[in-house]
């Protein structure tokens, strides 16, 4: 369908004008990291929109990133011949907030 949906074992997000876009959950595997990043967006008052992202509209976005259990929030700087910001302020907030969430959850684990 010429849609950007996800990467191998990772969910896809794009940012335009401070708003985060991601394909609808019906179009992707509902990753746990994706869920937490969407929640962080809501908590931080970062607009989040679930909508299809046609490949031919990628040039409209300033930044893109992937989420997964193994790589957390990972900026993507190049897709084909398009280049995206690695230092996007929204991506930085999401990376920091997700890292904080992981640290909090780790401290809740019982010691073996």
C-alpha atoms as a PDB file:
ATOM      1  CA  UNK A   1       0.000   0.000   0.000  1.00  0.00           C
ATOM      2  CA  UNK A   2       3.071   2.271  -0.081  1.00  0.00           C
ATOM      3  CA  UNK A   3       2.668   2.983   3.655  1.00  0.00           C
ATOM      4  CA  UNK A   4       5.469   3.255   6.195  1.00  0.00           C
ATOM      5  CA  UNK A   5       4.321   1.114   9.104  1.00  0.00           C
ATOM      6  CA  UNK A   6       7.212  -0.431  10.992  1.00  0.00           C
ATOM      7  CA  UNK A   7      10.729  -1.770  10.763  1.00  0.00           C
ATOM      8  CA  UNK A   8      11.903  -5.259  11.571  1.00  0.00           C
ATOM      9  CA  UNK A   9      10.788  -5.666  15.224  1.00  0.00           C
ATOM     10  CA  UNK A  10      10.287  -1.903  15.686  1.00  0.00           C
ATOM     11  CA  UNK A  11       7.448   0.606  15.465  1.00  0.00           C
ATOM     12  CA  UNK A  12       7.757   3.751  13.335  1.00  0.00           C
ATOM     13  CA  UNK A  13       7.085   7.356  14.359  1.00  0.00           C
ATOM     14  CA  UNK A  14       7.505  10.666  12.520  1.00  0.00           C
ATOM     15  CA  UNK A  15       7.431  14.270  13.749  1.00  0.00           C
ATOM     16  CA  UNK A  16       6.100  17.373  12.016  1.00  0.00           C
ATOM     17  CA  UNK A  17       5.718  20.766  13.695  1.00  0.00           C
ATOM     18  CA  UNK A  18       6.046  19.238  17.166  1.00  0.00           C
ATOM     19  CA  UNK A  19       3.345  16.618  16.558  1.00  0.00           C
ATOM     20  CA  UNK A  20       4.187  12.914  16.692  1.00  0.00           C
ATOM     21  CA  UNK A  21       2.605  10.656  14.067  1.00  0.00           C
ATOM     22  CA  UNK A  22       2.485   6.867  14.063  1.00  0.00           C
ATOM     23  CA  UNK A  23       0.510   4.355  12.031  1.00  0.00           C
ATOM     24  CA  UNK A  24      -2.747   3.143  13.617  1.00  0.00           C
ATOM     25  CA  UNK A  25      -2.440   0.120  15.883  1.00  0.00           C
ATOM     26  CA  UNK A  26      -4.608  -1.830  13.422  1.00  0.00           C
ATOM     27  CA  UNK A  27      -1.774  -1.551  10.860  1.00  0.00           C
ATOM     28  CA  UNK A  28       1.146  -2.611  13.073  1.00  0.00           C
ATOM     29  CA  UNK A  29       2.161  -4.974  15.821  1.00  0.00           C
ATOM     30  CA  UNK A  30       1.232  -3.223  19.076  1.00  0.00           C
ATOM     31  CA  UNK A  31       4.668  -2.982  20.663  1.00  0.00           C
ATOM     32  CA  UNK A  32       4.948  -2.362  24.400  1.00  0.00           C
ATOM     33  CA  UNK A  33       7.544   0.382  23.888  1.00  0.00           C
ATOM     34  CA  UNK A  34       5.197   2.006  21.352  1.00  0.00           C
ATOM     35  CA  UNK A  35       2.453   1.999  23.982  1.00  0.00           C
ATOM     36  CA  UNK A  36       4.700   3.631  26.582  1.00  0.00           C
ATOM     37  CA  UNK A  37       5.918   6.293  24.130  1.00  0.00           C
ATOM     38  CA  UNK A  38       2.319   7.167  23.237  1.00  0.00           C
ATOM     39  CA  UNK A  39       1.552   7.467  26.960  1.00  0.00           C
ATOM     40  CA  UNK A  40       4.617   9.676  27.476  1.00  0.00           C
ATOM     41  CA  UNK A  41       3.438  11.933  24.638  1.00  0.00           C
ATOM     42  CA  UNK A  42       0.093  12.351  26.353  1.00  0.00           C
ATOM     43  CA  UNK A  43       1.679  12.983  29.773  1.00  0.00           C
ATOM     44  CA  UNK A  44       4.094  15.545  28.312  1.00  0.00           C
ATOM     45  CA  UNK A  45       1.297  17.234  26.310  1.00  0.00           C
ATOM     46  CA  UNK A  46       3.019  16.340  23.031  1.00  0.00           C
ATOM     47  CA  UNK A  47       0.344  15.984  20.332  1.00  0.00           C
ATOM     48  CA  UNK A  48       0.149  12.402  19.038  1.00  0.00           C
ATOM     49  CA  UNK A  49      -1.795  11.322  15.958  1.00  0.00           C
ATOM     50  CA  UNK A  50      -2.338   7.771  14.775  1.00  0.00           C
ATOM     51  CA  UNK A  51      -2.695   7.837  10.994  1.00  0.00           C
ATOM     52  CA  UNK A  52      -1.333   6.130   7.931  1.00  0.00           C
ATOM     53  CA  UNK A  53       1.987   7.537   6.722  1.00  0.00           C
ATOM     54  CA  UNK A  54       2.379   7.183   2.948  1.00  0.00           C
ATOM     55  CA  UNK A  55       5.985   6.728   1.898  1.00  0.00           C
ATOM     56  CA  UNK A  56       5.728   9.623  -0.569  1.00  0.00           C
ATOM     57  CA  UNK A  57       4.915  12.025   2.316  1.00  0.00           C
ATOM     58  CA  UNK A  58       8.052  11.276   4.357  1.00  0.00           C
ATOM     59  CA  UNK A  59       9.747  14.442   3.108  1.00  0.00           C
ATOM     60  CA  UNK A  60       7.104  16.463   5.023  1.00  0.00           C
ATOM     61  CA  UNK A  61       8.475  15.269   8.396  1.00  0.00           C
ATOM     62  CA  UNK A  62      11.416  16.810  10.258  1.00  0.00           C
ATOM     63  CA  UNK A  63      12.330  13.761  12.333  1.00  0.00           C
ATOM     64  CA  UNK A  64      11.642  10.046  12.505  1.00  0.00           C
ATOM     65  CA  UNK A  65      12.338   7.386  15.104  1.00  0.00           C
ATOM     66  CA  UNK A  66      11.745   3.748  15.933  1.00  0.00           C
ATOM     67  CA  UNK A  67      10.709   2.128  19.185  1.00  0.00           C
ATOM     68  CA  UNK A  68      11.407  -1.396  20.321  1.00  0.00           C
ATOM     69  CA  UNK A  69      12.232  -3.356  23.434  1.00  0.00           C
ATOM     70  CA  UNK A  70      15.871  -3.741  22.417  1.00  0.00           C
ATOM     71  CA  UNK A  71      16.555  -0.189  21.193  1.00  0.00           C
ATOM     72  CA  UNK A  72      14.050   1.887  23.222  1.00  0.00           C
ATOM     73  CA  UNK A  73      13.592   5.197  21.314  1.00  0.00           C
ATOM     74  CA  UNK A  74      16.004   5.321  18.387  1.00  0.00           C
ATOM     75  CA  UNK A  75      16.258   8.356  16.063  1.00  0.00           C
ATOM     76  CA  UNK A  76      16.383   7.540  12.355  1.00  0.00           C
ATOM     77  CA  UNK A  77      18.397  10.015  10.342  1.00  0.00           C
ATOM     78  CA  UNK A  78      18.144   8.525   6.854  1.00  0.00           C
ATOM     79  CA  UNK A  79      15.435   6.753   4.883  1.00  0.00           C
ATOM     80  CA  UNK A  80      16.366   6.180   1.253  1.00  0.00           C
ATOM     81  CA  UNK A  81      17.619   9.600   0.081  1.00  0.00           C
ATOM     82  CA  UNK A  82      15.802  11.597   2.790  1.00  0.00           C
ATOM     83  CA  UNK A  83      17.637  12.968   5.831  1.00  0.00           C
ATOM     84  CA  UNK A  84      15.965  13.688   9.187  1.00  0.00           C
ATOM     85  CA  UNK A  85      17.022  15.563  12.322  1.00  0.00           C
ATOM     86  CA  UNK A  86      18.746  13.406  14.913  1.00  0.00           C
ATOM     87  CA  UNK A  87      18.619  16.225  17.464  1.00  0.00           C
ATOM     88  CA  UNK A  88      14.882  16.917  17.285  1.00  0.00           C
ATOM     89  CA  UNK A  89      13.683  18.347  20.641  1.00  0.00           C
ATOM     90  CA  UNK A  90      10.603  16.099  20.765  1.00  0.00           C
ATOM     91  CA  UNK A  91      12.699  12.989  20.147  1.00  0.00           C
ATOM     92  CA  UNK A  92      15.093  14.092  22.906  1.00  0.00           C
ATOM     93  CA  UNK A  93      12.193  14.501  25.366  1.00  0.00           C
ATOM     94  CA  UNK A  94      10.802  11.078  24.474  1.00  0.00           C
ATOM     95  CA  UNK A  95      14.210   9.420  24.806  1.00  0.00           C
ATOM     96  CA  UNK A  96      14.789  11.014  28.214  1.00  0.00           C
ATOM     97  CA  UNK A  97      11.310  10.278  29.545  1.00  0.00           C
ATOM     98  CA  UNK A  98      11.415   6.678  28.352  1.00  0.00           C
ATOM     99  CA  UNK A  99      14.835   6.205  29.968  1.00  0.00           C
ATOM    100  CA  UNK A 100      13.420   7.626  33.228  1.00  0.00           C
ATOM    101  CA  UNK A 101      10.463   5.248  33.037  1.00  0.00           C
ATOM    102  CA  UNK A 102      12.737   2.248  32.557  1.00  0.00           C
ATOM    103  CA  UNK A 103      14.871   3.286  35.538  1.00  0.00           C
ATOM    104  CA  UNK A 104      11.787   3.624  37.740  1.00  0.00           C
ATOM    105  CA  UNK A 105      10.513   0.211  36.663  1.00  0.00           C
ATOM    106  CA  UNK A 106      13.916  -1.423  37.245  1.00  0.00           C
ATOM    107  CA  UNK A 107      14.040  -0.117  40.818  1.00  0.00           C
ATOM    108  CA  UNK A 108      10.689  -1.842  41.463  1.00  0.00           C
ATOM    109  CA  UNK A 109      12.114  -5.270  40.605  1.00  0.00           C
ATOM    110  CA  UNK A 110      12.815  -7.553  43.564  1.00  0.00           C
ATOM    111  CA  UNK A 111      16.441  -8.333  44.260  1.00  0.00           C
ATOM    112  CA  UNK A 112      17.351 -11.936  43.582  1.00  0.00           C
END
